[in-house]
Amino acid sequence: MEDIVFKNQEELYRRVLPALRSKRKLLRKDGFKTIKEIDIWNYMRYVKWADSYGLELCDMVDDILNTNNNDVANYFFDKYMPKKTIIEDDFELPKLKD
């Protein structure tokens, strides 16, 4: 059996896109409607596969489909959603009547 060799990340992304779409549907069922395929891809690249070498396509698809939805969502919200701390200057206190 021949090894599949990908020329670049984009080619690999396109190959696993059906799995990413399936994962996105699973995330939507769990209420995570803003997460897109590219967000799942980035989680896999930068967290799940960060120290991995020589992954096979079947292992990548398995990882995508079986990764915990909350782990993907936590990564997404930590990475892309701005954190806001409440500071007194951020809002006005209501004026009280004497």
Protein backbone atom coordinates (compact mmCIF):
# COMPACT_ATOMS: atom_id res chain seq x y z
CA MET A 1 0.00 0.00 0.00
CA GLU A 2 1.34 3.43 -0.93
CA ASP A 3 1.78 6.16 1.63
CA ILE A 4 -0.27 9.27 0.99
CA VAL A 5 1.97 12.32 0.91
CA PHE A 6 0.53 15.80 1.25
CA LYS A 7 2.32 18.72 -0.35
CA ASN A 8 1.14 21.27 2.20
CA GLN A 9 -1.18 21.94 5.14
CA GLU A 10 -3.98 23.11 2.87
CA GLU A 11 -4.03 19.80 1.02
CA LEU A 12 -4.16 17.90 4.29
CA TYR A 13 -6.89 20.20 5.60
CA ARG A 14 -9.01 19.50 2.52
CA ARG A 15 -8.54 15.76 2.98
CA VAL A 16 -9.77 15.80 6.60
CA LEU A 17 -12.50 18.39 5.97
CA PRO A 18 -15.32 15.80 5.99
CA ALA A 19 -14.25 14.75 9.50
CA LEU A 20 -14.03 18.40 10.56
CA ARG A 21 -17.55 18.98 9.24
CA SER A 22 -18.84 16.00 11.18
CA LYS A 23 -17.18 17.27 14.34
CA ARG A 24 -18.69 20.70 13.79
CA LYS A 25 -22.15 19.10 13.63
CA LEU A 26 -21.48 17.31 16.91
CA LEU A 27 -20.35 20.56 18.50
CA ARG A 28 -23.51 22.30 17.26
CA LYS A 29 -25.63 19.58 18.89
CA ASP A 30 -23.86 20.36 22.17
CA GLY A 31 -24.69 24.06 21.77
CA PHE A 32 -21.35 25.33 20.44
CA LYS A 33 -22.71 27.07 17.36
CA THR A 34 -19.90 29.58 16.70
CA ILE A 35 -17.10 27.03 16.29
CA LYS A 36 -16.13 26.41 12.67
CA GLU A 37 -14.09 23.72 10.94
CA ILE A 38 -10.97 25.90 10.90
CA ASP A 39 -11.25 26.35 14.68
CA ILE A 40 -11.33 22.59 15.17
CA TRP A 41 -8.38 22.25 12.79
CA ASN A 42 -6.40 24.82 14.77
CA TYR A 43 -7.14 23.04 18.04
CA MET A 44 -5.94 19.78 16.55
CA ARG A 45 -2.76 21.32 15.11
CA TYR A 46 -1.72 23.43 18.05
CA VAL A 47 -2.92 21.31 20.97
CA LYS A 48 -3.70 17.70 20.12
CA TRP A 49 -0.97 17.13 17.54
CA ALA A 50 1.55 19.71 18.75
CA ASP A 51 4.23 17.13 19.59
CA SER A 52 3.20 14.44 17.11
CA TYR A 53 5.15 13.29 14.08
CA GLY A 54 4.29 10.86 11.32
CA LEU A 55 0.57 10.78 12.00
CA GLU A 56 -1.44 8.63 9.66
CA LEU A 57 -4.57 9.98 8.05
CA CYS A 58 -6.78 7.43 9.80
CA ASP A 59 -5.36 8.49 13.19
CA MET A 60 -6.00 12.15 12.42
CA VAL A 61 -9.60 11.47 11.45
CA ASP A 62 -10.06 9.36 14.58
CA ASP A 63 -8.62 12.16 16.73
CA ILE A 64 -10.91 14.74 15.13
CA LEU A 65 -14.06 12.69 15.65
CA ASN A 66 -13.22 11.48 19.16
CA THR A 67 -11.78 14.62 20.73
CA ASN A 68 -13.83 15.87 23.65
CA ASN A 69 -16.17 18.65 22.51
CA ASN A 70 -15.55 20.64 25.69
CA ASP A 71 -11.79 20.60 25.06
CA VAL A 72 -12.31 22.09 21.59
CA ALA A 73 -14.79 24.66 22.93
CA ASN A 74 -12.48 25.68 25.79
CA TYR A 75 -9.63 26.19 23.35
CA PHE A 76 -11.86 28.24 21.07
CA PHE A 77 -13.19 30.48 23.83
CA ASP A 78 -9.76 30.95 25.43
CA LYS A 79 -8.13 31.74 22.10
CA TYR A 80 -10.72 33.79 20.25
CA MET A 81 -13.12 35.33 22.72
CA PRO A 82 -11.80 38.46 24.39
CA LYS A 83 -11.69 38.35 28.12
CA LYS A 84 -13.08 41.36 29.91
CA THR A 85 -12.50 42.14 33.51
CA ILE A 86 -14.91 44.34 35.34
CA ILE A 87 -13.38 47.58 36.48
CA GLU A 88 -15.34 50.32 38.16
CA ASP A 89 -14.67 52.66 35.25
CA ASP A 90 -16.39 50.21 32.89
CA PHE A 91 -19.86 51.13 34.10
CA GLU A 92 -21.73 53.86 35.87
CA LEU A 93 -23.24 53.25 39.25
CA PRO A 94 -26.89 54.16 39.52
CA LYS A 95 -27.60 57.48 41.19
CA LEU A 96 -29.38 57.07 44.46
CA LYS A 97 -32.02 59.49 45.69
CA ASP A 98 -31.45 61.07 49.08
